Amino acid sequence: MSMRVLVTGAKGQLGRDLMNELKRQGLEGIGVDVEEMDITDPEKCRSVIGQAGADAVIHCAAYTAVDAAEDQAELCRKINGEGTRNVAEACRDAGVKLMYISTDYVFDGEGTRPWEPDDERAPLNVYGQTKYEGELAIEELLDRYYIIRIAWVFGAAGKNFIKTMLRLGRERGAVSVVNDQVGSPTYTYDLARLLVDMVQTEHYGRYHATNEGECSWYEFACEIFRQAGLEVQVTPVSSEAFAAKAKRPANSRMSKEKLTEKGFVRLPDWQDALKRFLKVIENQGN
């Protein structure tokens, strides 16, 4: 019997790659976005998830504009916190397992050691706080859930750091990039494979999933230009040099040991992911 998986936020970077990966693995994907299922509407969530006949829901839909969230806290909470609670309640009522895509922003970003999945959560900004509230709702309501924290995401659909760097590099020939935030880039194509593998198992709980290796945003930018063959002057600066509304975690390193313990294939090195991604956007004509 083929598994049926409902994906929320199916038009986003990760959602699109998930739908493709489900198809590639011979599973049935049901993609919904805000038009089909507004997650802030509990009745809509209940009816769509109740009638889908899905075995699992992968919940990608979220409010992700980190700086704007500081001014739109209520809207952000309605989507990420209350919206996720609505999805979790609908999954509970329908007897469906839930995979929630969360973020490194649930941590305070202190120290240098990689965050473990069960470390204490202490978000620095509104976005992180509302994603944390989503995690809490799921843990309260469900037994069969996966919470997958990701970071520094890039994919072929939508905007991301790589596309921005390439555009600015070509336009200006010089960029300034922060050098005091460290993490691991995450390619949605690689992530989708892991998530679809995982959702077919009973290995529930909290996980971290990013590509292997670590870098600062500055080092990431340097590697982007190196691989793209662009001569761009990259200047390292501190976070203070950028007047961002939302505070960012300095340490976004995340331990992926639990993936290995549970027998999952971890994601390739971020440099390798970048190389493949650049080929994809080159073919798209970006």
C-alpha atoms as a PDB file:
ATOM      1  CA  MET A   1       0.000   0.000   0.000  1.00  0.00           C
ATOM      2  CA  SER A   2       1.442   3.346  -1.047  1.00  0.00           C
ATOM      3  CA  MET A   3       1.727   5.954   1.654  1.00  0.00           C
ATOM      4  CA  ARG A   4      -0.192   9.226   1.303  1.00  0.00           C
ATOM      5  CA  VAL A   5       1.483  12.375   2.600  1.00  0.00           C
ATOM      6  CA  LEU A   6      -0.119  15.809   2.843  1.00  0.00           C
ATOM      7  CA  VAL A   7       2.350  18.700   2.556  1.00  0.00           C
ATOM      8  CA  THR A   8       1.429  22.177   3.825  1.00  0.00           C
ATOM      9  CA  GLY A   9       3.190  25.150   2.248  1.00  0.00           C
ATOM     10  CA  ALA A  10       3.566  23.068  -0.916  1.00  0.00           C
ATOM     11  CA  LYS A  11       4.455  26.095  -3.069  1.00  0.00           C
ATOM     12  CA  GLY A  12       7.481  27.072  -0.945  1.00  0.00           C
ATOM     13  CA  GLN A  13      11.165  26.166  -1.452  1.00  0.00           C
ATOM     14  CA  LEU A  14      10.982  23.014   0.663  1.00  0.00           C
ATOM     15  CA  GLY A  15       7.371  22.180  -0.173  1.00  0.00           C
ATOM     16  CA  ARG A  16       8.099  21.899  -3.890  1.00  0.00           C
ATOM     17  CA  ASP A  17      11.121  19.666  -3.353  1.00  0.00           C
ATOM     18  CA  LEU A  18       9.099  17.485  -0.978  1.00  0.00           C
ATOM     19  CA  MET A  19       6.350  17.003  -3.552  1.00  0.00           C
ATOM     20  CA  ASN A  20       8.966  15.996  -6.151  1.00  0.00           C
ATOM     21  CA  GLU A  21      10.700  13.625  -3.720  1.00  0.00           C
ATOM     22  CA  LEU A  22       7.443  11.930  -2.709  1.00  0.00           C
ATOM     23  CA  LYS A  23       6.772  11.269  -6.385  1.00  0.00           C
ATOM     24  CA  ARG A  24      10.339  10.028  -6.908  1.00  0.00           C
ATOM     25  CA  GLN A  25       9.898   7.525  -4.076  1.00  0.00           C
ATOM     26  CA  GLY A  26       6.544   6.338  -5.429  1.00  0.00           C
ATOM     27  CA  LEU A  27       4.466   7.880  -2.631  1.00  0.00           C
ATOM     28  CA  GLU A  28       1.327   9.932  -3.049  1.00  0.00           C
ATOM     29  CA  GLY A  29       1.806  13.627  -2.246  1.00  0.00           C
ATOM     30  CA  ILE A  30      -1.133  15.920  -1.553  1.00  0.00           C
ATOM     31  CA  GLY A  31       0.103  19.493  -1.740  1.00  0.00           C
ATOM     32  CA  VAL A  32      -1.841  22.287  -0.070  1.00  0.00           C
ATOM     33  CA  ASP A  33      -1.038  25.967   0.284  1.00  0.00           C
ATOM     34  CA  VAL A  34      -2.944  28.861   1.822  1.00  0.00           C
ATOM     35  CA  GLU A  35      -5.616  28.749  -0.935  1.00  0.00           C
ATOM     36  CA  GLU A  36      -6.543  25.131  -0.136  1.00  0.00           C
ATOM     37  CA  MET A  37      -5.942  25.165   3.603  1.00  0.00           C
ATOM     38  CA  ASP A  38      -5.419  28.361   5.577  1.00  0.00           C
ATOM     39  CA  ILE A  39      -3.746  26.994   8.708  1.00  0.00           C
ATOM     40  CA  THR A  40      -5.106  29.882  10.813  1.00  0.00           C
ATOM     41  CA  ASP A  41      -8.606  28.440  10.259  1.00  0.00           C
ATOM     42  CA  PRO A  42      -9.052  25.449  12.612  1.00  0.00           C
ATOM     43  CA  GLU A  43     -12.204  24.200  10.856  1.00  0.00           C
ATOM     44  CA  LYS A  44     -10.474  24.246   7.470  1.00  0.00           C
ATOM     45  CA  CYS A  45      -7.529  22.301   8.885  1.00  0.00           C
ATOM     46  CA  ARG A  46      -9.883  19.747  10.400  1.00  0.00           C
ATOM     47  CA  SER A  47     -11.869  19.234   7.195  1.00  0.00           C
ATOM     48  CA  VAL A  48      -8.909  19.153   4.767  1.00  0.00           C
ATOM     49  CA  ILE A  49      -6.748  16.852   6.898  1.00  0.00           C
ATOM     50  CA  GLY A  50      -9.770  14.783   7.921  1.00  0.00           C
ATOM     51  CA  GLN A  51     -10.829  14.188   4.319  1.00  0.00           C
ATOM     52  CA  ALA A  52      -7.361  13.761   2.765  1.00  0.00           C
ATOM     53  CA  GLY A  53      -6.989  10.170   3.931  1.00  0.00           C
ATOM     54  CA  ALA A  54      -3.278  10.849   4.474  1.00  0.00           C
ATOM     55  CA  ASP A  55      -0.985   8.699   6.602  1.00  0.00           C
ATOM     56  CA  ALA A  56       1.200  11.680   7.494  1.00  0.00           C
ATOM     57  CA  VAL A  57       1.322  15.470   7.287  1.00  0.00           C
ATOM     58  CA  ILE A  58       4.583  17.338   6.637  1.00  0.00           C
ATOM     59  CA  HIS A  59       3.962  20.853   7.923  1.00  0.00           C
ATOM     60  CA  CYS A  60       6.139  23.392   6.062  1.00  0.00           C
ATOM     61  CA  ALA A  61       3.723  26.337   5.970  1.00  0.00           C
ATOM     62  CA  ALA A  62       5.061  29.200   8.098  1.00  0.00           C
ATOM     63  CA  TYR A  63       5.571  32.913   8.487  1.00  0.00           C
ATOM     64  CA  THR A  64       9.314  33.230   7.788  1.00  0.00           C
ATOM     65  CA  ALA A  65      10.037  36.963   7.366  1.00  0.00           C
ATOM     66  CA  VAL A  66      12.291  37.170  10.434  1.00  0.00           C
ATOM     67  CA  ASP A  67      12.742  40.957  10.605  1.00  0.00           C
ATOM     68  CA  ALA A  68       9.158  41.807   9.624  1.00  0.00           C
ATOM     69  CA  ALA A  69       7.960  39.482  12.396  1.00  0.00           C
ATOM     70  CA  GLU A  70       9.262  41.935  14.995  1.00  0.00           C
ATOM     71  CA  ASP A  71       6.574  44.416  13.820  1.00  0.00           C
ATOM     72  CA  GLN A  72       3.975  41.763  12.966  1.00  0.00           C
ATOM     73  CA  ALA A  73       4.228  39.599  16.068  1.00  0.00           C
ATOM     74  CA  GLU A  74       0.488  38.928  16.193  1.00  0.00           C
ATOM     75  CA  LEU A  75       0.322  37.712  12.586  1.00  0.00           C
ATOM     76  CA  CYS A  76       3.502  35.662  12.992  1.00  0.00           C
ATOM     77  CA  ARG A  77       2.102  33.985  16.124  1.00  0.00           C
ATOM     78  CA  LYS A  78      -1.256  33.361  14.449  1.00  0.00           C
ATOM     79  CA  ILE A  79       0.485  31.421  11.662  1.00  0.00           C
ATOM     80  CA  ASN A  80       3.452  29.749  13.377  1.00  0.00           C
ATOM     81  CA  GLY A  81       2.048  29.184  16.850  1.00  0.00           C
ATOM     82  CA  GLU A  82      -1.741  28.973  16.622  1.00  0.00           C
ATOM     83  CA  GLY A  83      -1.660  27.727  13.013  1.00  0.00           C
ATOM     84  CA  THR A  84       0.603  24.843  13.969  1.00  0.00           C
ATOM     85  CA  ARG A  85      -1.684  24.045  16.916  1.00  0.00           C
ATOM     86  CA  ASN A  86      -4.615  23.885  14.453  1.00  0.00           C
ATOM     87  CA  VAL A  87      -2.690  21.469  12.230  1.00  0.00           C
ATOM     88  CA  ALA A  88      -1.673  19.345  15.253  1.00  0.00           C
ATOM     89  CA  GLU A  89      -5.266  19.168  16.535  1.00  0.00           C
ATOM     90  CA  ALA A  90      -6.509  18.141  13.091  1.00  0.00           C
ATOM     91  CA  CYS A  91      -3.809  15.427  12.914  1.00  0.00           C
ATOM     92  CA  ARG A  92      -4.751  14.185  16.390  1.00  0.00           C
ATOM     93  CA  ASP A  93      -8.428  14.000  15.454  1.00  0.00           C
ATOM     94  CA  ALA A  94      -7.669  12.210  12.176  1.00  0.00           C
ATOM     95  CA  GLY A  95      -5.118   9.838  13.742  1.00  0.00           C
ATOM     96  CA  VAL A  96      -2.363  11.082  11.416  1.00  0.00           C
ATOM     97  CA  LYS A  97       1.330  11.488  12.286  1.00  0.00           C
ATOM     98  CA  LEU A  98       2.870  14.937  11.897  1.00  0.00           C
ATOM     99  CA  MET A  99       6.286  16.177  10.801  1.00  0.00           C
ATOM    100  CA  TYR A 100       6.932  19.810  11.752  1.00  0.00           C
ATOM    101  CA  ILE A 101       9.659  21.865  10.113  1.00  0.00           C
ATOM    102  CA  SER A 102      11.185  24.057  12.805  1.00  0.00           C
ATOM    103  CA  THR A 103      14.328  26.175  13.111  1.00  0.00           C
ATOM    104  CA  ASP A 104      17.656  26.747  14.868  1.00  0.00           C
ATOM    105  CA  TYR A 105      16.092  30.053  16.002  1.00  0.00           C
ATOM    106  CA  VAL A 106      14.425  28.258  18.933  1.00  0.00           C
ATOM    107  CA  PHE A 107      17.875  28.406  20.630  1.00  0.00           C
ATOM    108  CA  ASP A 108      19.626  31.478  22.046  1.00  0.00           C
ATOM    109  CA  GLY A 109      22.706  31.034  19.828  1.00  0.00           C
ATOM    110  CA  GLU A 110      25.185  31.218  22.725  1.00  0.00           C
ATOM    111  CA  GLY A 111      28.436  29.220  22.948  1.00  0.00           C
ATOM    112  CA  THR A 112      30.187  27.270  20.224  1.00  0.00           C
ATOM    113  CA  ARG A 113      29.160  23.641  20.695  1.00  0.00           C
ATOM    114  CA  PRO A 114      26.550  22.242  18.297  1.00  0.00           C
ATOM    115  CA  TRP A 115      22.985  22.307  19.637  1.00  0.00           C
ATOM    116  CA  GLU A 116      21.531  18.918  20.571  1.00  0.00           C
ATOM    117  CA  PRO A 117      17.867  18.205  19.702  1.00  0.00           C
ATOM    118  CA  ASP A 118      16.847  18.118  23.381  1.00  0.00           C
ATOM    119  CA  ASP A 119      18.753  21.237  24.487  1.00  0.00           C
ATOM    120  CA  GLU A 120      16.858  23.957  26.319  1.00  0.00           C
ATOM    121  CA  ARG A 121      15.008  26.331  24.006  1.00  0.00           C
ATOM    122  CA  ALA A 122      15.319  30.093  24.522  1.00  0.00           C
ATOM    123  CA  PRO A 123      14.462  32.056  21.352  1.00  0.00           C
ATOM    124  CA  LEU A 124      15.999  35.483  20.676  1.00  0.00           C
ATOM    125  CA  ASN A 125      13.307  36.919  18.419  1.00  0.00           C
ATOM    126  CA  VAL A 126       9.584  36.817  17.594  1.00  0.00           C
ATOM    127  CA  TYR A 127      10.001  34.352  14.725  1.00  0.00           C
ATOM    128  CA  GLY A 128      11.964  31.917  16.925  1.00  0.00           C
ATOM    129  CA  GLN A 129       9.488  32.312  19.777  1.00  0.00           C
ATOM    130  CA  THR A 130       6.482  31.507  17.571  1.00  0.00           C
ATOM    131  CA  LYS A 131       8.196  28.459  16.052  1.00  0.00           C
ATOM    132  CA  TYR A 132       8.962  27.326  19.615  1.00  0.00           C
ATOM    133  CA  GLU A 133       5.262  27.743  20.465  1.00  0.00           C
ATOM    134  CA  GLY A 134       4.479  25.515  17.473  1.00  0.00           C
ATOM    135  CA  GLU A 135       6.845  22.862  18.843  1.00  0.00           C
ATOM    136  CA  LEU A 136       5.197  23.035  22.269  1.00  0.00           C
ATOM    137  CA  ALA A 137       1.706  22.626  20.778  1.00  0.00           C
ATOM    138  CA  ILE A 138       2.779  19.484  18.906  1.00  0.00           C
ATOM    139  CA  GLU A 139       4.508  17.986  21.948  1.00  0.00           C
ATOM    140  CA  GLU A 140       1.400  18.647  24.027  1.00  0.00           C
ATOM    141  CA  LEU A 141      -1.137  17.251  21.563  1.00  0.00           C
ATOM    142  CA  LEU A 142       0.551  14.366  19.760  1.00  0.00           C
ATOM    143  CA  ASP A 143       2.512  11.191  20.456  1.00  0.00           C
ATOM    144  CA  ARG A 144       3.472  10.472  16.850  1.00  0.00           C
ATOM    145  CA  TYR A 145       5.439  13.498  15.705  1.00  0.00           C
ATOM    146  CA  TYR A 146       8.809  14.513  14.302  1.00  0.00           C
ATOM    147  CA  ILE A 147      10.183  18.003  14.942  1.00  0.00           C
ATOM    148  CA  ILE A 148      12.890  18.747  12.388  1.00  0.00           C
ATOM    149  CA  ARG A 149      14.994  21.856  12.965  1.00  0.00           C
ATOM    150  CA  ILE A 150      16.692  23.261   9.913  1.00  0.00           C
ATOM    151  CA  ALA A 151      18.846  26.333   9.253  1.00  0.00           C
ATOM    152  CA  TRP A 152      20.224  28.563   6.485  1.00  0.00           C
ATOM    153  CA  VAL A 153      17.882  27.094   3.889  1.00  0.00           C
ATOM    154  CA  PHE A 154      18.217  27.419   0.127  1.00  0.00           C
ATOM    155  CA  GLY A 155      16.242  25.865  -2.723  1.00  0.00           C
ATOM    156  CA  ALA A 156      15.488  26.389  -6.393  1.00  0.00           C
ATOM    157  CA  ALA A 157      12.082  27.982  -5.720  1.00  0.00           C
ATOM    158  CA  GLY A 158      11.963  31.369  -4.026  1.00  0.00           C
ATOM    159  CA  LYS A 159      14.522  33.754  -2.581  1.00  0.00           C
ATOM    160  CA  ASN A 160      17.602  32.779  -0.623  1.00  0.00           C
ATOM    161  CA  PHE A 161      21.077  33.927   0.405  1.00  0.00           C
ATOM    162  CA  ILE A 162      22.846  32.372  -2.604  1.00  0.00           C
ATOM    163  CA  LYS A 163      20.614  34.069  -5.160  1.00  0.00           C
ATOM    164  CA  THR A 164      20.935  37.383  -3.300  1.00  0.00           C
ATOM    165  CA  MET A 165      24.746  37.134  -3.187  1.00  0.00           C
ATOM    166  CA  LEU A 166      24.973  36.300  -6.889  1.00  0.00           C
ATOM    167  CA  ARG A 167      22.755  39.255  -7.772  1.00  0.00           C
ATOM    168  CA  LEU A 168      24.602  41.730  -5.544  1.00  0.00           C
ATOM    169  CA  GLY A 169      27.990  40.395  -6.611  1.00  0.00           C
ATOM    170  CA  ARG A 170      27.171  40.912 -10.288  1.00  0.00           C
ATOM    171  CA  GLU A 171      25.601  44.329  -9.704  1.00  0.00           C
ATOM    172  CA  ARG A 172      28.201  45.789  -7.348  1.00  0.00           C
ATOM    173  CA  GLY A 173      31.347  43.676  -7.560  1.00  0.00           C
ATOM    174  CA  ALA A 174      31.666  44.004  -3.770  1.00  0.00           C
ATOM    175  CA  VAL A 175      29.621  42.864  -0.749  1.00  0.00           C
ATOM    176  CA  SER A 176      29.905  43.017   3.046  1.00  0.00           C
ATOM    177  CA  VAL A 177      28.846  39.871   4.903  1.00  0.00           C
ATOM    178  CA  VAL A 178      28.660  39.033   8.611  1.00  0.00           C
ATOM    179  CA  ASN A 179      31.460  36.841   9.918  1.00  0.00           C
ATOM    180  CA  ASP A 180      30.290  36.252  13.514  1.00  0.00           C
ATOM    181  CA  GLN A 181      27.341  33.920  12.883  1.00  0.00           C
ATOM    182  CA  VAL A 182      28.230  30.268  12.244  1.00  0.00           C
ATOM    183  CA  GLY A 183      25.981  27.495  10.993  1.00  0.00           C
ATOM    184  CA  SER A 184      25.377  24.974   8.229  1.00  0.00           C
ATOM    185  CA  PRO A 185      23.623  25.770   4.948  1.00  0.00           C
ATOM    186  CA  THR A 186      20.737  23.432   4.078  1.00  0.00           C
ATOM    187  CA  TYR A 187      19.733  22.498   0.523  1.00  0.00           C
ATOM    188  CA  THR A 188      16.005  21.744   0.318  1.00  0.00           C
ATOM    189  CA  TYR A 189      16.611  19.075  -2.368  1.00  0.00           C
ATOM    190  CA  ASP A 190      18.823  17.079   0.035  1.00  0.00           C
ATOM    191  CA  LEU A 191      16.568  17.803   2.993  1.00  0.00           C
ATOM    192  CA  ALA A 192      13.471  16.561   1.136  1.00  0.00           C
ATOM    193  CA  ARG A 193      15.078  13.158   0.590  1.00  0.00           C
ATOM    194  CA  LEU A 194      15.815  12.784   4.300  1.00  0.00           C
ATOM    195  CA  LEU A 195      12.343  13.953   5.372  1.00  0.00           C
ATOM    196  CA  VAL A 196      10.552  11.546   3.028  1.00  0.00           C
ATOM    197  CA  ASP A 197      12.803   8.691   4.235  1.00  0.00           C
ATOM    198  CA  MET A 198      12.062   9.637   7.849  1.00  0.00           C
ATOM    199  CA  VAL A 199       8.291  10.041   7.548  1.00  0.00           C
ATOM    200  CA  GLN A 200       8.074   6.399   6.443  1.00  0.00           C
ATOM    201  CA  THR A 201       9.506   5.262   9.800  1.00  0.00           C
ATOM    202  CA  GLU A 202       8.288   5.252  13.394  1.00  0.00           C
ATOM    203  CA  HIS A 203      11.416   7.054  14.660  1.00  0.00           C
ATOM    204  CA  TYR A 204       9.569   9.942  16.279  1.00  0.00           C
ATOM    205  CA  GLY A 205      11.062  12.856  18.202  1.00  0.00           C
ATOM    206  CA  ARG A 206      13.218  15.949  17.688  1.00  0.00           C
ATOM    207  CA  TYR A 207      15.958  16.037  15.076  1.00  0.00           C
ATOM    208  CA  HIS A 208      18.372  18.483  13.492  1.00  0.00           C
ATOM    209  CA  ALA A 209      18.890  18.324   9.743  1.00  0.00           C
ATOM    210  CA  THR A 210      21.349  20.511   7.834  1.00  0.00           C
ATOM    211  CA  ASN A 211      24.039  19.774   5.278  1.00  0.00           C
ATOM    212  CA  GLU A 212      27.340  18.588   6.773  1.00  0.00           C
ATOM    213  CA  GLY A 213      30.113  21.011   7.670  1.00  0.00           C
ATOM    214  CA  GLU A 214      29.940  24.557   9.025  1.00  0.00           C
ATOM    215  CA  CYS A 215      30.841  28.087   7.973  1.00  0.00           C
ATOM    216  CA  SER A 216      30.107  31.727   8.687  1.00  0.00           C
ATOM    217  CA  TRP A 217      27.898  33.719   6.318  1.00  0.00           C
ATOM    218  CA  TYR A 218      31.110  35.422   5.111  1.00  0.00           C
ATOM    219  CA  GLU A 219      32.751  32.060   4.316  1.00  0.00           C
ATOM    220  CA  PHE A 220      29.537  30.924   2.632  1.00  0.00           C
ATOM    221  CA  ALA A 221      29.555  34.032   0.414  1.00  0.00           C
ATOM    222  CA  CYS A 222      33.244  33.544  -0.498  1.00  0.00           C
ATOM    223  CA  GLU A 223      32.548  29.934  -1.534  1.00  0.00           C
ATOM    224  CA  ILE A 224      29.489  30.988  -3.584  1.00  0.00           C
ATOM    225  CA  PHE A 225      31.579  33.426  -5.629  1.00  0.00           C
ATOM    226  CA  ARG A 226      34.471  30.965  -5.918  1.00  0.00           C
ATOM    227  CA  GLN A 227      32.244  28.207  -7.292  1.00  0.00           C
ATOM    228  CA  ALA A 228      30.330  30.611  -9.533  1.00  0.00           C
ATOM    229  CA  GLY A 229      33.615  31.952 -10.945  1.00  0.00           C
ATOM    230  CA  LEU A 230      32.801  35.548 -10.006  1.00  0.00           C
ATOM    231  CA  GLU A 231      35.409  38.117  -8.988  1.00  0.00           C
ATOM    232  CA  VAL A 232      33.756  39.837  -6.040  1.00  0.00           C
ATOM    233  CA  GLN A 233      35.320  41.734  -3.145  1.00  0.00           C
ATOM    234  CA  VAL A 234      33.879  40.203   0.048  1.00  0.00           C
ATOM    235  CA  THR A 235      34.379  42.143   3.287  1.00  0.00           C
ATOM    236  CA  PRO A 236      33.782  40.425   6.647  1.00  0.00           C
ATOM    237  CA  VAL A 237      31.815  42.554   9.137  1.00  0.00           C
ATOM    238  CA  SER A 238      30.252  42.064  12.571  1.00  0.00           C
ATOM    239  CA  SER A 239      26.495  41.622  13.104  1.00  0.00           C
ATOM    240  CA  GLU A 240      26.458  45.100  14.658  1.00  0.00           C
ATOM    241  CA  ALA A 241      27.313  46.531  11.229  1.00  0.00           C
ATOM    242  CA  PHE A 242      23.899  45.414   9.979  1.00  0.00           C
ATOM    243  CA  ALA A 243      20.932  47.114  11.610  1.00  0.00           C
ATOM    244  CA  ALA A 244      18.577  44.114  11.498  1.00  0.00           C
ATOM    245  CA  LYS A 245      15.369  44.350  13.526  1.00  0.00           C
ATOM    246  CA  ALA A 246      15.544  40.772  14.774  1.00  0.00           C
ATOM    247  CA  LYS A 247      18.489  39.492  16.786  1.00  0.00           C
ATOM    248  CA  ARG A 248      20.195  36.512  15.096  1.00  0.00           C
ATOM    249  CA  PRO A 249      21.828  33.574  16.905  1.00  0.00           C
ATOM    250  CA  ALA A 250      25.648  33.664  16.689  1.00  0.00           C
ATOM    251  CA  ASN A 251      25.875  29.886  17.005  1.00  0.00           C
ATOM    252  CA  SER A 252      23.610  27.912  14.678  1.00  0.00           C
ATOM    253  CA  ARG A 253      25.743  24.752  14.713  1.00  0.00           C
ATOM    254  CA  MET A 254      23.419  21.758  15.131  1.00  0.00           C
ATOM    255  CA  SER A 255      24.298  18.203  16.058  1.00  0.00           C
ATOM    256  CA  LYS A 256      23.066  15.576  13.602  1.00  0.00           C
ATOM    257  CA  GLU A 257      24.295  12.540  15.577  1.00  0.00           C
ATOM    258  CA  LYS A 258      20.723  11.448  16.265  1.00  0.00           C
ATOM    259  CA  LEU A 259      20.170  10.935  12.519  1.00  0.00           C
ATOM    260  CA  THR A 260      23.086   8.495  12.467  1.00  0.00           C
ATOM    261  CA  GLU A 261      21.859   6.741  15.636  1.00  0.00           C
ATOM    262  CA  LYS A 262      18.464   6.136  14.040  1.00  0.00           C
ATOM    263  CA  GLY A 263      19.970   4.841  10.796  1.00  0.00           C
ATOM    264  CA  PHE A 264      19.209   7.817   8.547  1.00  0.00           C
ATOM    265  CA  VAL A 265      21.545   8.911   5.752  1.00  0.00           C
ATOM    266  CA  ARG A 266      22.830  12.379   6.591  1.00  0.00           C
ATOM    267  CA  LEU A 267      22.959  15.215   4.087  1.00  0.00           C
ATOM    268  CA  PRO A 268      26.082  15.747   1.938  1.00  0.00           C
ATOM    269  CA  ASP A 269      28.646  18.504   2.637  1.00  0.00           C
ATOM    270  CA  TRP A 270      27.302  22.016   2.122  1.00  0.00           C
ATOM    271  CA  GLN A 271      29.973  22.794  -0.507  1.00  0.00           C
ATOM    272  CA  ASP A 272      28.753  19.824  -2.560  1.00  0.00           C
ATOM    273  CA  ALA A 273      25.139  20.966  -2.119  1.00  0.00           C
ATOM    274  CA  LEU A 274      26.103  24.463  -3.281  1.00  0.00           C
ATOM    275  CA  LYS A 275      27.789  23.059  -6.391  1.00  0.00           C
ATOM    276  CA  ARG A 276      24.674  21.102  -7.393  1.00  0.00           C
ATOM    277  CA  PHE A 277      22.392  24.041  -6.589  1.00  0.00           C
ATOM    278  CA  LEU A 278      24.411  26.422  -8.789  1.00  0.00           C
ATOM    279  CA  LYS A 279      23.988  23.952 -11.692  1.00  0.00           C
ATOM    280  CA  VAL A 280      20.234  23.881 -11.135  1.00  0.00           C
ATOM    281  CA  ILE A 281      19.802  27.668 -11.132  1.00  0.00           C
ATOM    282  CA  GLU A 282      22.146  27.977 -14.121  1.00  0.00           C
ATOM    283  CA  ASN A 283      19.825  25.650 -16.032  1.00  0.00           C
ATOM    284  CA  GLN A 284      16.839  27.700 -14.872  1.00  0.00           C
ATOM    285  CA  GLY A 285      18.517  30.774 -16.305  1.00  0.00           C
ATOM    286  CA  ASN A 286      18.753  32.561 -12.934  1.00  0.00           C
END
